[in-house]
Amino acid sequence: MSTSPSPTFVKAQQVAPVHAIDDLELAALISSKICHDVIGPVGAIYNGLEVLDDDEDEQSRAYALEVIRSFTEQASAKVQFARFAFGAAGSVGATVDLGGAEQIVRGFLGQGKHKLSWKAPAGQMSKDRVKLLLNMISCAVTALPRGGEIIAAVSGRIDDPGFEVRCIGPGARLPQHLREFLLIPCTHRIDALSVQAYYTTRLARSTGLRLSVGMEGVDVLLAAVK
């Protein structure tokens, strides 16, 4: 009987420190990414408002209101996700409720082609570790270009957790840019498109966890453990 090959993982502690960028440049790139993520729904809201201004047809106006409502929810969910994944979202040393984090992720994924299975205990977790989990899930979205299931699991104690994010779906592939930032030497370009993956590796190191990514059969597996 044939068996699936063992996954090949690249560990985060092997990332070459010389490839780090300064905090000002990192902040600028993250700001660019957030703007890129919200410009789509904001533009759709503007288009809907134009229809309301210019079109007297009741059916067209009803459709425009539906579009505005839908994309307003999308924009709000993306900003809320960015606040927790990239921002302070509380004072230094704060904890985040995992139930709230789950709702933020569900809002971020919305009713689209990516479905979330959340396997985490109830309780409060260190803000930086929650940020790592959220960024791993965001990276996982790029591993499923045709959609699928994202299983986010928390293991160990809530004050000393490990994370595993499994991506299941047709055409699953390694997340964009993430593996490149785990290679030695790392020469991958850091820009507004790749900063999510880079920031995820930085979060893993700051929380003392080893980040790995690889294929397990036809699934993609991201893990962060000690």
C-alpha atoms as a PDB file:
ATOM      1  CA  MET A   1       0.000   0.000   0.000  1.00  0.00           C
ATOM      2  CA  SER A   2       1.407   3.390  -0.950  1.00  0.00           C
ATOM      3  CA  THR A   3       1.654   6.071   1.673  1.00  0.00           C
ATOM      4  CA  SER A   4       1.700   9.837   1.369  1.00  0.00           C
ATOM      5  CA  PRO A   5       5.177  11.367   1.540  1.00  0.00           C
ATOM      6  CA  SER A   6       6.148  13.043   4.770  1.00  0.00           C
ATOM      7  CA  PRO A   7       5.843  16.821   4.685  1.00  0.00           C
ATOM      8  CA  THR A   8       9.005  18.842   4.189  1.00  0.00           C
ATOM      9  CA  PHE A   9       9.168  21.768   6.553  1.00  0.00           C
ATOM     10  CA  VAL A  10      11.353  24.860   6.642  1.00  0.00           C
ATOM     11  CA  LYS A  11      11.857  26.265  10.125  1.00  0.00           C
ATOM     12  CA  ALA A  12      11.535  29.918  10.997  1.00  0.00           C
ATOM     13  CA  GLN A  13      14.554  30.148  13.269  1.00  0.00           C
ATOM     14  CA  GLN A  14      16.678  29.559  10.198  1.00  0.00           C
ATOM     15  CA  VAL A  15      15.646  32.851   8.587  1.00  0.00           C
ATOM     16  CA  ALA A  16      18.759  34.936   7.965  1.00  0.00           C
ATOM     17  CA  PRO A  17      18.618  38.023  10.230  1.00  0.00           C
ATOM     18  CA  VAL A  18      20.488  40.134   7.651  1.00  0.00           C
ATOM     19  CA  HIS A  19      17.314  40.207   5.553  1.00  0.00           C
ATOM     20  CA  ALA A  20      15.371  42.098   8.221  1.00  0.00           C
ATOM     21  CA  ILE A  21      14.027  45.548   7.379  1.00  0.00           C
ATOM     22  CA  ASP A  22      13.733  48.479   9.760  1.00  0.00           C
ATOM     23  CA  ASP A  23      10.488  49.152  11.580  1.00  0.00           C
ATOM     24  CA  LEU A  24       9.650  52.316   9.625  1.00  0.00           C
ATOM     25  CA  GLU A  25       9.811  50.466   6.309  1.00  0.00           C
ATOM     26  CA  LEU A  26       7.825  47.559   7.763  1.00  0.00           C
ATOM     27  CA  ALA A  27       5.119  49.959   8.987  1.00  0.00           C
ATOM     28  CA  ALA A  28       4.944  51.578   5.546  1.00  0.00           C
ATOM     29  CA  LEU A  29       4.582  48.230   3.762  1.00  0.00           C
ATOM     30  CA  ILE A  30       1.899  47.000   6.163  1.00  0.00           C
ATOM     31  CA  SER A  31       0.005  50.269   5.677  1.00  0.00           C
ATOM     32  CA  SER A  32       0.191  49.742   1.905  1.00  0.00           C
ATOM     33  CA  LYS A  33      -1.138  46.201   2.279  1.00  0.00           C
ATOM     34  CA  ILE A  34      -4.080  47.304   4.426  1.00  0.00           C
ATOM     35  CA  CYS A  35      -4.950  50.023   1.904  1.00  0.00           C
ATOM     36  CA  HIS A  36      -4.749  47.469  -0.914  1.00  0.00           C
ATOM     37  CA  ASP A  37      -7.071  45.102   0.962  1.00  0.00           C
ATOM     38  CA  VAL A  38      -9.791  47.684   1.639  1.00  0.00           C
ATOM     39  CA  ILE A  39      -9.676  49.697  -1.593  1.00  0.00           C
ATOM     40  CA  GLY A  40     -11.770  47.092  -3.440  1.00  0.00           C
ATOM     41  CA  PRO A  41     -14.825  47.164  -1.156  1.00  0.00           C
ATOM     42  CA  VAL A  42     -14.507  50.935  -0.630  1.00  0.00           C
ATOM     43  CA  GLY A  43     -14.505  51.442  -4.401  1.00  0.00           C
ATOM     44  CA  ALA A  44     -17.602  49.248  -4.732  1.00  0.00           C
ATOM     45  CA  ILE A  45     -19.370  51.321  -2.065  1.00  0.00           C
ATOM     46  CA  TYR A  46     -18.554  54.502  -4.010  1.00  0.00           C
ATOM     47  CA  ASN A  47     -19.943  52.983  -7.207  1.00  0.00           C
ATOM     48  CA  GLY A  48     -23.136  52.049  -5.384  1.00  0.00           C
ATOM     49  CA  LEU A  49     -23.517  55.603  -4.118  1.00  0.00           C
ATOM     50  CA  GLU A  50     -23.119  56.915  -7.659  1.00  0.00           C
ATOM     51  CA  VAL A  51     -25.984  54.668  -8.781  1.00  0.00           C
ATOM     52  CA  LEU A  52     -28.175  56.068  -5.987  1.00  0.00           C
ATOM     53  CA  ASP A  53     -27.341  59.610  -7.108  1.00  0.00           C
ATOM     54  CA  ASP A  54     -27.887  59.090 -10.835  1.00  0.00           C
ATOM     55  CA  ASP A  55     -30.482  56.343 -11.269  1.00  0.00           C
ATOM     56  CA  GLU A  56     -34.166  56.740 -10.467  1.00  0.00           C
ATOM     57  CA  ASP A  57     -35.064  53.126 -11.277  1.00  0.00           C
ATOM     58  CA  GLU A  58     -36.269  51.472  -8.069  1.00  0.00           C
ATOM     59  CA  GLN A  59     -34.809  48.074  -8.952  1.00  0.00           C
ATOM     60  CA  SER A  60     -31.400  49.597  -9.678  1.00  0.00           C
ATOM     61  CA  ARG A  61     -31.486  51.571  -6.436  1.00  0.00           C
ATOM     62  CA  ALA A  62     -32.425  48.480  -4.437  1.00  0.00           C
ATOM     63  CA  TYR A  63     -29.528  46.593  -6.006  1.00  0.00           C
ATOM     64  CA  ALA A  64     -27.171  49.496  -5.253  1.00  0.00           C
ATOM     65  CA  LEU A  65     -28.225  49.471  -1.595  1.00  0.00           C
ATOM     66  CA  GLU A  66     -27.597  45.740  -1.423  1.00  0.00           C
ATOM     67  CA  VAL A  67     -24.123  46.231  -2.904  1.00  0.00           C
ATOM     68  CA  ILE A  68     -23.355  49.059  -0.473  1.00  0.00           C
ATOM     69  CA  ARG A  69     -24.508  46.986   2.494  1.00  0.00           C
ATOM     70  CA  SER A  70     -22.486  43.927   1.417  1.00  0.00           C
ATOM     71  CA  PHE A  71     -19.249  45.780   0.718  1.00  0.00           C
ATOM     72  CA  THR A  72     -19.572  47.910   3.847  1.00  0.00           C
ATOM     73  CA  GLU A  73     -19.606  44.676   5.854  1.00  0.00           C
ATOM     74  CA  GLN A  74     -16.560  43.448   3.911  1.00  0.00           C
ATOM     75  CA  ALA A  75     -14.615  46.655   4.475  1.00  0.00           C
ATOM     76  CA  SER A  76     -15.475  46.685   8.179  1.00  0.00           C
ATOM     77  CA  ALA A  77     -14.403  43.036   8.585  1.00  0.00           C
ATOM     78  CA  LYS A  78     -11.094  43.640   6.801  1.00  0.00           C
ATOM     79  CA  VAL A  79     -10.294  46.699   8.932  1.00  0.00           C
ATOM     80  CA  GLN A  80     -11.220  44.827  12.124  1.00  0.00           C
ATOM     81  CA  PHE A  81      -9.002  41.912  11.095  1.00  0.00           C
ATOM     82  CA  ALA A  82      -6.107  44.268  10.290  1.00  0.00           C
ATOM     83  CA  ARG A  83      -6.497  45.967  13.684  1.00  0.00           C
ATOM     84  CA  PHE A  84      -5.870  42.672  15.472  1.00  0.00           C
ATOM     85  CA  ALA A  85      -3.456  41.058  12.987  1.00  0.00           C
ATOM     86  CA  PHE A  86      -1.200  44.095  12.546  1.00  0.00           C
ATOM     87  CA  GLY A  87      -2.193  46.731  15.088  1.00  0.00           C
ATOM     88  CA  ALA A  88      -1.964  47.126  18.843  1.00  0.00           C
ATOM     89  CA  ALA A  89      -5.626  46.256  19.543  1.00  0.00           C
ATOM     90  CA  GLY A  90      -5.092  47.004  23.220  1.00  0.00           C
ATOM     91  CA  SER A  91      -2.313  48.038  25.552  1.00  0.00           C
ATOM     92  CA  VAL A  92       1.138  46.481  25.691  1.00  0.00           C
ATOM     93  CA  GLY A  93       1.013  43.029  27.234  1.00  0.00           C
ATOM     94  CA  ALA A  94      -2.732  42.743  26.682  1.00  0.00           C
ATOM     95  CA  THR A  95      -4.513  39.448  26.058  1.00  0.00           C
ATOM     96  CA  VAL A  96      -7.178  38.702  23.482  1.00  0.00           C
ATOM     97  CA  ASP A  97     -10.272  36.551  23.943  1.00  0.00           C
ATOM     98  CA  LEU A  98     -10.063  33.562  21.595  1.00  0.00           C
ATOM     99  CA  GLY A  99     -13.808  33.586  21.044  1.00  0.00           C
ATOM    100  CA  GLY A 100     -13.532  37.154  19.804  1.00  0.00           C
ATOM    101  CA  ALA A 101     -10.563  36.205  17.618  1.00  0.00           C
ATOM    102  CA  GLU A 102     -12.643  33.453  16.011  1.00  0.00           C
ATOM    103  CA  GLN A 103     -15.408  35.909  15.145  1.00  0.00           C
ATOM    104  CA  ILE A 104     -12.876  38.319  13.638  1.00  0.00           C
ATOM    105  CA  VAL A 105     -11.495  35.543  11.407  1.00  0.00           C
ATOM    106  CA  ARG A 106     -14.998  34.445  10.366  1.00  0.00           C
ATOM    107  CA  GLY A 107     -15.821  38.029   9.435  1.00  0.00           C
ATOM    108  CA  PHE A 108     -12.586  38.311   7.465  1.00  0.00           C
ATOM    109  CA  LEU A 109     -13.325  35.153   5.474  1.00  0.00           C
ATOM    110  CA  GLY A 110     -16.974  36.148   5.071  1.00  0.00           C
ATOM    111  CA  GLN A 111     -19.333  34.011   3.019  1.00  0.00           C
ATOM    112  CA  GLY A 112     -16.780  33.349   0.294  1.00  0.00           C
ATOM    113  CA  LYS A 113     -15.009  30.247  -0.908  1.00  0.00           C
ATOM    114  CA  HIS A 114     -12.909  29.699   2.245  1.00  0.00           C
ATOM    115  CA  LYS A 115     -14.546  27.915   5.192  1.00  0.00           C
ATOM    116  CA  LEU A 116     -13.137  27.980   8.710  1.00  0.00           C
ATOM    117  CA  SER A 117     -12.973  25.138  11.215  1.00  0.00           C
ATOM    118  CA  TRP A 118     -11.856  26.601  14.554  1.00  0.00           C
ATOM    119  CA  LYS A 119     -10.397  24.251  17.172  1.00  0.00           C
ATOM    120  CA  ALA A 120      -9.295  26.315  20.135  1.00  0.00           C
ATOM    121  CA  PRO A 121     -10.152  26.406  23.842  1.00  0.00           C
ATOM    122  CA  ALA A 122     -12.072  29.269  25.396  1.00  0.00           C
ATOM    123  CA  GLY A 123     -10.075  31.883  27.252  1.00  0.00           C
ATOM    124  CA  GLN A 124      -7.601  34.729  26.959  1.00  0.00           C
ATOM    125  CA  MET A 125      -4.324  34.430  25.039  1.00  0.00           C
ATOM    126  CA  SER A 126      -1.306  36.681  24.647  1.00  0.00           C
ATOM    127  CA  LYS A 127      -1.998  39.347  22.023  1.00  0.00           C
ATOM    128  CA  ASP A 128       1.169  38.618  20.023  1.00  0.00           C
ATOM    129  CA  ARG A 129       0.368  34.912  19.807  1.00  0.00           C
ATOM    130  CA  VAL A 130      -3.150  35.664  18.596  1.00  0.00           C
ATOM    131  CA  LYS A 131      -1.616  38.000  16.008  1.00  0.00           C
ATOM    132  CA  LEU A 132       0.598  35.133  14.849  1.00  0.00           C
ATOM    133  CA  LEU A 133      -2.389  32.795  14.510  1.00  0.00           C
ATOM    134  CA  LEU A 134      -4.380  35.385  12.556  1.00  0.00           C
ATOM    135  CA  ASN A 135      -1.479  36.006  10.193  1.00  0.00           C
ATOM    136  CA  MET A 136      -0.997  32.278   9.671  1.00  0.00           C
ATOM    137  CA  ILE A 137      -4.674  32.019   8.706  1.00  0.00           C
ATOM    138  CA  SER A 138      -4.333  34.962   6.330  1.00  0.00           C
ATOM    139  CA  CYS A 139      -1.328  33.254   4.698  1.00  0.00           C
ATOM    140  CA  ALA A 140      -3.390  30.057   4.493  1.00  0.00           C
ATOM    141  CA  VAL A 141      -5.961  31.827   2.302  1.00  0.00           C
ATOM    142  CA  THR A 142      -3.294  32.160  -0.420  1.00  0.00           C
ATOM    143  CA  ALA A 143      -2.701  28.390  -0.219  1.00  0.00           C
ATOM    144  CA  LEU A 144      -6.265  27.749  -1.459  1.00  0.00           C
ATOM    145  CA  PRO A 145      -6.729  29.832  -4.631  1.00  0.00           C
ATOM    146  CA  ARG A 146      -9.849  27.823  -5.540  1.00  0.00           C
ATOM    147  CA  GLY A 147     -11.236  27.825  -2.012  1.00  0.00           C
ATOM    148  CA  GLY A 148     -11.512  25.098   0.575  1.00  0.00           C
ATOM    149  CA  GLU A 149     -11.388  24.467   4.300  1.00  0.00           C
ATOM    150  CA  ILE A 150      -8.973  26.111   6.724  1.00  0.00           C
ATOM    151  CA  ILE A 151      -8.625  24.215  10.002  1.00  0.00           C
ATOM    152  CA  ALA A 152      -7.064  26.370  12.733  1.00  0.00           C
ATOM    153  CA  ALA A 153      -6.060  24.382  15.822  1.00  0.00           C
ATOM    154  CA  VAL A 154      -4.485  25.496  19.094  1.00  0.00           C
ATOM    155  CA  SER A 155      -2.519  22.910  21.085  1.00  0.00           C
ATOM    156  CA  GLY A 156      -0.887  22.929  24.501  1.00  0.00           C
ATOM    157  CA  ARG A 157      -1.659  25.301  27.353  1.00  0.00           C
ATOM    158  CA  ILE A 158      -3.411  28.542  26.531  1.00  0.00           C
ATOM    159  CA  ASP A 159      -0.508  30.476  28.081  1.00  0.00           C
ATOM    160  CA  ASP A 160       2.062  28.438  26.124  1.00  0.00           C
ATOM    161  CA  PRO A 161       0.316  27.356  22.922  1.00  0.00           C
ATOM    162  CA  GLY A 162       1.292  25.891  19.591  1.00  0.00           C
ATOM    163  CA  PHE A 163      -0.611  26.438  16.359  1.00  0.00           C
ATOM    164  CA  GLU A 164      -1.456  24.306  13.348  1.00  0.00           C
ATOM    165  CA  VAL A 165      -3.316  25.575  10.297  1.00  0.00           C
ATOM    166  CA  ARG A 166      -4.288  22.955   7.736  1.00  0.00           C
ATOM    167  CA  CYS A 167      -5.463  23.899   4.238  1.00  0.00           C
ATOM    168  CA  ILE A 168      -7.711  21.415   2.455  1.00  0.00           C
ATOM    169  CA  GLY A 169      -9.030  22.028  -1.019  1.00  0.00           C
ATOM    170  CA  PRO A 170      -8.537  21.515  -4.755  1.00  0.00           C
ATOM    171  CA  GLY A 171      -5.230  22.831  -6.034  1.00  0.00           C
ATOM    172  CA  ALA A 172      -3.835  23.503  -2.548  1.00  0.00           C
ATOM    173  CA  ARG A 173      -0.324  24.946  -2.773  1.00  0.00           C
ATOM    174  CA  LEU A 174       2.280  26.449  -0.476  1.00  0.00           C
ATOM    175  CA  PRO A 175       1.238  29.929   0.695  1.00  0.00           C
ATOM    176  CA  GLN A 176       2.560  32.750  -1.439  1.00  0.00           C
ATOM    177  CA  HIS A 177       5.978  34.068  -0.330  1.00  0.00           C
ATOM    178  CA  LEU A 178       6.006  32.285   3.058  1.00  0.00           C
ATOM    179  CA  ARG A 179       8.402  29.469   2.208  1.00  0.00           C
ATOM    180  CA  GLU A 180      10.809  31.906   0.542  1.00  0.00           C
ATOM    181  CA  PHE A 181      11.178  33.842   3.800  1.00  0.00           C
ATOM    182  CA  LEU A 182      12.057  30.615   5.626  1.00  0.00           C
ATOM    183  CA  LEU A 183      14.959  29.696   3.345  1.00  0.00           C
ATOM    184  CA  ILE A 184      18.670  30.218   3.913  1.00  0.00           C
ATOM    185  CA  PRO A 185      19.930  32.468   2.479  1.00  0.00           C
ATOM    186  CA  CYS A 186      16.782  34.539   2.150  1.00  0.00           C
ATOM    187  CA  THR A 187      16.940  36.987  -0.732  1.00  0.00           C
ATOM    188  CA  HIS A 188      13.200  37.266  -1.374  1.00  0.00           C
ATOM    189  CA  ARG A 189      11.962  40.780  -2.062  1.00  0.00           C
ATOM    190  CA  ILE A 190       9.862  42.378   0.678  1.00  0.00           C
ATOM    191  CA  ASP A 191       7.082  44.539  -0.740  1.00  0.00           C
ATOM    192  CA  ALA A 192       3.398  45.260  -0.091  1.00  0.00           C
ATOM    193  CA  LEU A 193       2.440  41.866  -1.574  1.00  0.00           C
ATOM    194  CA  SER A 194       4.945  39.759   0.375  1.00  0.00           C
ATOM    195  CA  VAL A 195       4.982  41.699   3.665  1.00  0.00           C
ATOM    196  CA  GLN A 196       2.227  39.499   5.162  1.00  0.00           C
ATOM    197  CA  ALA A 197       4.449  36.419   4.922  1.00  0.00           C
ATOM    198  CA  TYR A 198       7.511  38.310   6.161  1.00  0.00           C
ATOM    199  CA  TYR A 199       5.597  39.735   9.125  1.00  0.00           C
ATOM    200  CA  THR A 200       4.341  36.248  10.016  1.00  0.00           C
ATOM    201  CA  THR A 201       7.925  34.982  10.309  1.00  0.00           C
ATOM    202  CA  ARG A 202       8.804  37.997  12.464  1.00  0.00           C
ATOM    203  CA  LEU A 203       5.871  37.279  14.781  1.00  0.00           C
ATOM    204  CA  ALA A 204       6.900  33.639  15.112  1.00  0.00           C
ATOM    205  CA  ARG A 205      10.418  34.605  16.174  1.00  0.00           C
ATOM    206  CA  SER A 206       9.164  37.255  18.600  1.00  0.00           C
ATOM    207  CA  THR A 207       6.920  34.698  20.340  1.00  0.00           C
ATOM    208  CA  GLY A 208       9.668  32.058  20.507  1.00  0.00           C
ATOM    209  CA  LEU A 209       7.934  29.642  18.131  1.00  0.00           C
ATOM    210  CA  ARG A 210       9.346  27.763  15.118  1.00  0.00           C
ATOM    211  CA  LEU A 211       7.299  28.381  12.009  1.00  0.00           C
ATOM    212  CA  SER A 212       7.120  25.685   9.352  1.00  0.00           C
ATOM    213  CA  VAL A 213       5.188  25.116   6.152  1.00  0.00           C
ATOM    214  CA  GLY A 214       4.938  22.114   3.868  1.00  0.00           C
ATOM    215  CA  MET A 215       2.755  19.654   2.008  1.00  0.00           C
ATOM    216  CA  GLU A 216       1.211  16.712   3.862  1.00  0.00           C
ATOM    217  CA  GLY A 217      -0.209  14.590   1.093  1.00  0.00           C
ATOM    218  CA  VAL A 218      -2.437  16.979  -0.851  1.00  0.00           C
ATOM    219  CA  ASP A 219      -2.967  19.283   2.159  1.00  0.00           C
ATOM    220  CA  VAL A 220      -0.877  22.279   3.105  1.00  0.00           C
ATOM    221  CA  LEU A 221       0.183  22.451   6.749  1.00  0.00           C
ATOM    222  CA  LEU A 222       1.429  25.526   8.584  1.00  0.00           C
ATOM    223  CA  ALA A 223       2.702  24.990  12.122  1.00  0.00           C
ATOM    224  CA  ALA A 224       4.198  27.144  14.861  1.00  0.00           C
ATOM    225  CA  VAL A 225       5.615  25.224  17.824  1.00  0.00           C
ATOM    226  CA  LYS A 226       8.464  25.472  20.277  1.00  0.00           C
END
